[in-house]
Amino acid sequence: MKIDSVQDCMNFFKKGFPETSPKNFRTQLGIFFEEIGETMGQLQASSPEDEMLITYLTAAIVQAGEHLKNSDGVIGIKDRVEFLDGLCDVMVTAVGAARHANMDIVGGFAEVNRSNNSKFDENGEPILDKNLKLIKGPNYSKPDLKIFV
């Protein structure tokens, strides 16, 4: 039976982090911003205004991500329904952006899931850093996304 890609991703997190905690949440938010910053860093501006905004926002998002990953404290959620709606909207708009950039995000996501699942150690266990970020194990293989672009 083939597993849905979103469920495969959730299974990765459940295996890597059987228990959740405020620190896990804070670190994952930091990684989330880090990935948005990396994505924005690949944009090519068509005007000085675009360049300024891309540069400024990328730096701010990367800095926020680093702060979240490397500091303590509890980040709360004001409205859990609205927060989940925002996360779902991020997923939907990411698919839309890939579609309009003529990229195969379905195939790419499956390949990233494959790569993520290769991060576990030889016993299939997660390896976490001091900030509770899952790091690459000895069997890790980078995703090959060339055929999806």
C-alpha atoms as a PDB file:
ATOM      1  CA  MET A   1       0.000   0.000   0.000  1.00  0.00           C
ATOM      2  CA  LYS A   2       1.404   3.384  -1.012  1.00  0.00           C
ATOM      3  CA  ILE A   3       1.497   6.033   1.715  1.00  0.00           C
ATOM      4  CA  ASP A   4       0.384   9.582   1.026  1.00  0.00           C
ATOM      5  CA  SER A   5       3.365  11.977   0.953  1.00  0.00           C
ATOM      6  CA  VAL A   6       2.034  14.169   3.753  1.00  0.00           C
ATOM      7  CA  GLN A   7       1.430  11.074   5.902  1.00  0.00           C
ATOM      8  CA  ASP A   8       4.934   9.832   5.044  1.00  0.00           C
ATOM      9  CA  CYS A   9       6.301  13.168   6.256  1.00  0.00           C
ATOM     10  CA  MET A  10       4.254  12.923   9.471  1.00  0.00           C
ATOM     11  CA  ASN A  11       5.527   9.367  10.017  1.00  0.00           C
ATOM     12  CA  PHE A  12       9.090  10.714   9.712  1.00  0.00           C
ATOM     13  CA  PHE A  13       8.420  13.236  12.485  1.00  0.00           C
ATOM     14  CA  LYS A  14       6.656  10.685  14.685  1.00  0.00           C
ATOM     15  CA  LYS A  15       9.621   8.326  14.350  1.00  0.00           C
ATOM     16  CA  GLY A  16      12.205  11.054  14.838  1.00  0.00           C
ATOM     17  CA  PHE A  17      10.333  12.688  17.700  1.00  0.00           C
ATOM     18  CA  PRO A  18       8.034  10.211  19.479  1.00  0.00           C
ATOM     19  CA  GLU A  19       7.305  12.865  22.116  1.00  0.00           C
ATOM     20  CA  THR A  20       6.684  16.536  21.470  1.00  0.00           C
ATOM     21  CA  SER A  21       7.812  19.387  23.685  1.00  0.00           C
ATOM     22  CA  PRO A  22       7.903  23.185  23.677  1.00  0.00           C
ATOM     23  CA  LYS A  23      11.594  22.990  22.671  1.00  0.00           C
ATOM     24  CA  ASN A  24      10.760  20.684  19.730  1.00  0.00           C
ATOM     25  CA  PHE A  25       8.086  23.154  18.618  1.00  0.00           C
ATOM     26  CA  ARG A  26      10.420  26.144  18.936  1.00  0.00           C
ATOM     27  CA  THR A  27      13.211  24.378  17.030  1.00  0.00           C
ATOM     28  CA  GLN A  28      10.833  23.254  14.269  1.00  0.00           C
ATOM     29  CA  LEU A  29       9.537  26.804  13.884  1.00  0.00           C
ATOM     30  CA  GLY A  30      13.145  27.949  13.541  1.00  0.00           C
ATOM     31  CA  ILE A  31      13.791  25.320  10.872  1.00  0.00           C
ATOM     32  CA  PHE A  32      10.555  26.349   9.130  1.00  0.00           C
ATOM     33  CA  PHE A  33      11.797  29.949   8.904  1.00  0.00           C
ATOM     34  CA  GLU A  34      15.261  28.751   7.882  1.00  0.00           C
ATOM     35  CA  GLU A  35      13.751  26.875   4.932  1.00  0.00           C
ATOM     36  CA  ILE A  36      11.649  29.875   3.911  1.00  0.00           C
ATOM     37  CA  GLY A  37      14.817  31.993   3.990  1.00  0.00           C
ATOM     38  CA  GLU A  38      16.691  29.478   1.829  1.00  0.00           C
ATOM     39  CA  THR A  39      13.794  29.469  -0.638  1.00  0.00           C
ATOM     40  CA  MET A  40      13.691  33.263  -0.765  1.00  0.00           C
ATOM     41  CA  GLY A  41      17.441  33.340  -1.317  1.00  0.00           C
ATOM     42  CA  GLN A  42      16.856  31.610  -4.655  1.00  0.00           C
ATOM     43  CA  LEU A  43      14.623  34.397  -5.984  1.00  0.00           C
ATOM     44  CA  GLN A  44      15.979  36.686  -8.670  1.00  0.00           C
ATOM     45  CA  ALA A  45      14.709  40.255  -8.432  1.00  0.00           C
ATOM     46  CA  SER A  46      13.507  42.150 -11.475  1.00  0.00           C
ATOM     47  CA  SER A  47      13.721  45.623  -9.921  1.00  0.00           C
ATOM     48  CA  PRO A  48      15.676  47.444  -7.216  1.00  0.00           C
ATOM     49  CA  GLU A  49      12.555  47.441  -5.037  1.00  0.00           C
ATOM     50  CA  ASP A  50      12.180  43.667  -5.418  1.00  0.00           C
ATOM     51  CA  GLU A  51      15.874  43.195  -4.602  1.00  0.00           C
ATOM     52  CA  MET A  52      15.610  45.339  -1.473  1.00  0.00           C
ATOM     53  CA  LEU A  53      12.506  43.511  -0.216  1.00  0.00           C
ATOM     54  CA  ILE A  54      13.883  40.040  -0.967  1.00  0.00           C
ATOM     55  CA  THR A  55      17.187  40.865   0.728  1.00  0.00           C
ATOM     56  CA  TYR A  56      15.553  42.449   3.788  1.00  0.00           C
ATOM     57  CA  LEU A  57      12.913  39.756   4.275  1.00  0.00           C
ATOM     58  CA  THR A  58      15.378  36.918   3.712  1.00  0.00           C
ATOM     59  CA  ALA A  59      17.745  38.307   6.334  1.00  0.00           C
ATOM     60  CA  ALA A  60      14.928  38.875   8.844  1.00  0.00           C
ATOM     61  CA  ILE A  61      13.455  35.402   8.350  1.00  0.00           C
ATOM     62  CA  VAL A  62      16.851  33.697   8.607  1.00  0.00           C
ATOM     63  CA  GLN A  63      17.646  35.686  11.765  1.00  0.00           C
ATOM     64  CA  ALA A  64      14.276  34.766  13.312  1.00  0.00           C
ATOM     65  CA  GLY A  65      14.907  31.111  12.482  1.00  0.00           C
ATOM     66  CA  GLU A  66      18.353  31.150  14.097  1.00  0.00           C
ATOM     67  CA  HIS A  67      16.973  32.857  17.188  1.00  0.00           C
ATOM     68  CA  LEU A  68      14.162  30.324  17.566  1.00  0.00           C
ATOM     69  CA  LYS A  69      16.477  27.339  17.094  1.00  0.00           C
ATOM     70  CA  ASN A  70      19.178  28.550  19.455  1.00  0.00           C
ATOM     71  CA  SER A  71      17.286  30.071  22.360  1.00  0.00           C
ATOM     72  CA  ASP A  72      14.952  28.838  25.040  1.00  0.00           C
ATOM     73  CA  GLY A  73      11.495  29.846  26.089  1.00  0.00           C
ATOM     74  CA  VAL A  74       8.024  28.778  25.171  1.00  0.00           C
ATOM     75  CA  ILE A  75       6.371  30.036  22.012  1.00  0.00           C
ATOM     76  CA  GLY A  76       2.613  29.899  22.421  1.00  0.00           C
ATOM     77  CA  ILE A  77      -0.150  29.730  19.843  1.00  0.00           C
ATOM     78  CA  LYS A  78      -2.898  32.355  20.165  1.00  0.00           C
ATOM     79  CA  ASP A  79      -5.524  30.481  18.152  1.00  0.00           C
ATOM     80  CA  ARG A  80      -4.783  26.857  17.263  1.00  0.00           C
ATOM     81  CA  VAL A  81      -7.425  26.739  14.506  1.00  0.00           C
ATOM     82  CA  GLU A  82      -6.036  29.842  12.800  1.00  0.00           C
ATOM     83  CA  PHE A  83      -2.480  28.576  13.234  1.00  0.00           C
ATOM     84  CA  LEU A  84      -3.341  25.262  11.560  1.00  0.00           C
ATOM     85  CA  ASP A  85      -5.176  27.164   8.816  1.00  0.00           C
ATOM     86  CA  GLY A  86      -2.024  29.196   8.190  1.00  0.00           C
ATOM     87  CA  LEU A  87       0.164  26.084   8.024  1.00  0.00           C
ATOM     88  CA  CYS A  88      -2.251  24.438   5.586  1.00  0.00           C
ATOM     89  CA  ASP A  89      -2.345  27.618   3.504  1.00  0.00           C
ATOM     90  CA  VAL A  90       1.474  27.606   3.386  1.00  0.00           C
ATOM     91  CA  MET A  91       1.346  24.059   2.011  1.00  0.00           C
ATOM     92  CA  VAL A  92      -1.316  24.988  -0.573  1.00  0.00           C
ATOM     93  CA  THR A  93       0.477  28.127  -1.719  1.00  0.00           C
ATOM     94  CA  ALA A  94       3.796  26.248  -1.937  1.00  0.00           C
ATOM     95  CA  VAL A  95       2.129  23.777  -4.303  1.00  0.00           C
ATOM     96  CA  GLY A  96       0.719  26.693  -6.288  1.00  0.00           C
ATOM     97  CA  ALA A  97       4.097  28.422  -6.508  1.00  0.00           C
ATOM     98  CA  ALA A  98       5.723  25.201  -7.726  1.00  0.00           C
ATOM     99  CA  ARG A  99       2.935  24.720 -10.266  1.00  0.00           C
ATOM    100  CA  HIS A 100       3.382  28.216 -11.658  1.00  0.00           C
ATOM    101  CA  ALA A 101       7.157  27.717 -11.771  1.00  0.00           C
ATOM    102  CA  ASN A 102       6.553  24.502 -13.778  1.00  0.00           C
ATOM    103  CA  MET A 103       8.042  22.241 -11.098  1.00  0.00           C
ATOM    104  CA  ASP A 104       6.868  18.770 -10.064  1.00  0.00           C
ATOM    105  CA  ILE A 105       6.374  19.349  -6.342  1.00  0.00           C
ATOM    106  CA  VAL A 106       4.582  16.002  -5.889  1.00  0.00           C
ATOM    107  CA  GLY A 107       7.608  14.076  -7.152  1.00  0.00           C
ATOM    108  CA  GLY A 108       9.983  16.452  -5.392  1.00  0.00           C
ATOM    109  CA  PHE A 109       8.193  16.047  -2.053  1.00  0.00           C
ATOM    110  CA  ALA A 110       8.308  12.255  -2.358  1.00  0.00           C
ATOM    111  CA  GLU A 111      12.068  12.487  -3.063  1.00  0.00           C
ATOM    112  CA  VAL A 112      12.629  14.787  -0.054  1.00  0.00           C
ATOM    113  CA  ASN A 113      10.670  12.305   2.105  1.00  0.00           C
ATOM    114  CA  ARG A 114      12.914   9.501   0.834  1.00  0.00           C
ATOM    115  CA  SER A 115      15.982  11.528   1.706  1.00  0.00           C
ATOM    116  CA  ASN A 116      14.639  12.508   5.145  1.00  0.00           C
ATOM    117  CA  ASN A 117      13.953   8.862   5.953  1.00  0.00           C
ATOM    118  CA  SER A 118      17.616   8.095   5.180  1.00  0.00           C
ATOM    119  CA  LYS A 119      18.707  10.338   8.095  1.00  0.00           C
ATOM    120  CA  PHE A 120      18.123   7.693  10.778  1.00  0.00           C
ATOM    121  CA  ASP A 121      21.068   5.710  12.116  1.00  0.00           C
ATOM    122  CA  GLU A 122      21.874   2.097  11.183  1.00  0.00           C
ATOM    123  CA  ASN A 123      19.316   0.913  13.782  1.00  0.00           C
ATOM    124  CA  GLY A 124      16.601   3.167  12.403  1.00  0.00           C
ATOM    125  CA  GLU A 125      16.871   5.539  15.347  1.00  0.00           C
ATOM    126  CA  PRO A 126      16.929   9.349  15.176  1.00  0.00           C
ATOM    127  CA  ILE A 127      20.094  11.355  15.848  1.00  0.00           C
ATOM    128  CA  LEU A 128      19.319  14.733  17.444  1.00  0.00           C
ATOM    129  CA  ASP A 129      21.559  17.747  17.996  1.00  0.00           C
ATOM    130  CA  LYS A 130      21.558  19.904  21.155  1.00  0.00           C
ATOM    131  CA  ASN A 131      18.598  21.921  19.819  1.00  0.00           C
ATOM    132  CA  LEU A 132      16.593  18.741  19.134  1.00  0.00           C
ATOM    133  CA  LYS A 133      17.022  19.018  15.372  1.00  0.00           C
ATOM    134  CA  LEU A 134      17.174  15.674  13.582  1.00  0.00           C
ATOM    135  CA  ILE A 135      20.573  15.445  11.910  1.00  0.00           C
ATOM    136  CA  LYS A 136      21.860  13.299   9.086  1.00  0.00           C
ATOM    137  CA  GLY A 137      22.897   9.758   9.968  1.00  0.00           C
ATOM    138  CA  PRO A 138      25.486   7.510   8.294  1.00  0.00           C
ATOM    139  CA  ASN A 139      23.014   6.282   5.632  1.00  0.00           C
ATOM    140  CA  TYR A 140      21.862   9.758   4.605  1.00  0.00           C
ATOM    141  CA  SER A 141      21.508  10.475   0.908  1.00  0.00           C
ATOM    142  CA  LYS A 142      20.726  13.942  -0.379  1.00  0.00           C
ATOM    143  CA  PRO A 143      17.521  14.368  -2.385  1.00  0.00           C
ATOM    144  CA  ASP A 144      18.042  14.437  -6.135  1.00  0.00           C
ATOM    145  CA  LEU A 145      15.529  17.008  -7.354  1.00  0.00           C
ATOM    146  CA  LYS A 146      16.934  17.678 -10.836  1.00  0.00           C
ATOM    147  CA  ILE A 147      14.297  15.599 -12.634  1.00  0.00           C
ATOM    148  CA  PHE A 148      11.489  17.518 -10.904  1.00  0.00           C
ATOM    149  CA  VAL A 149      12.498  20.984 -12.119  1.00  0.00           C
END
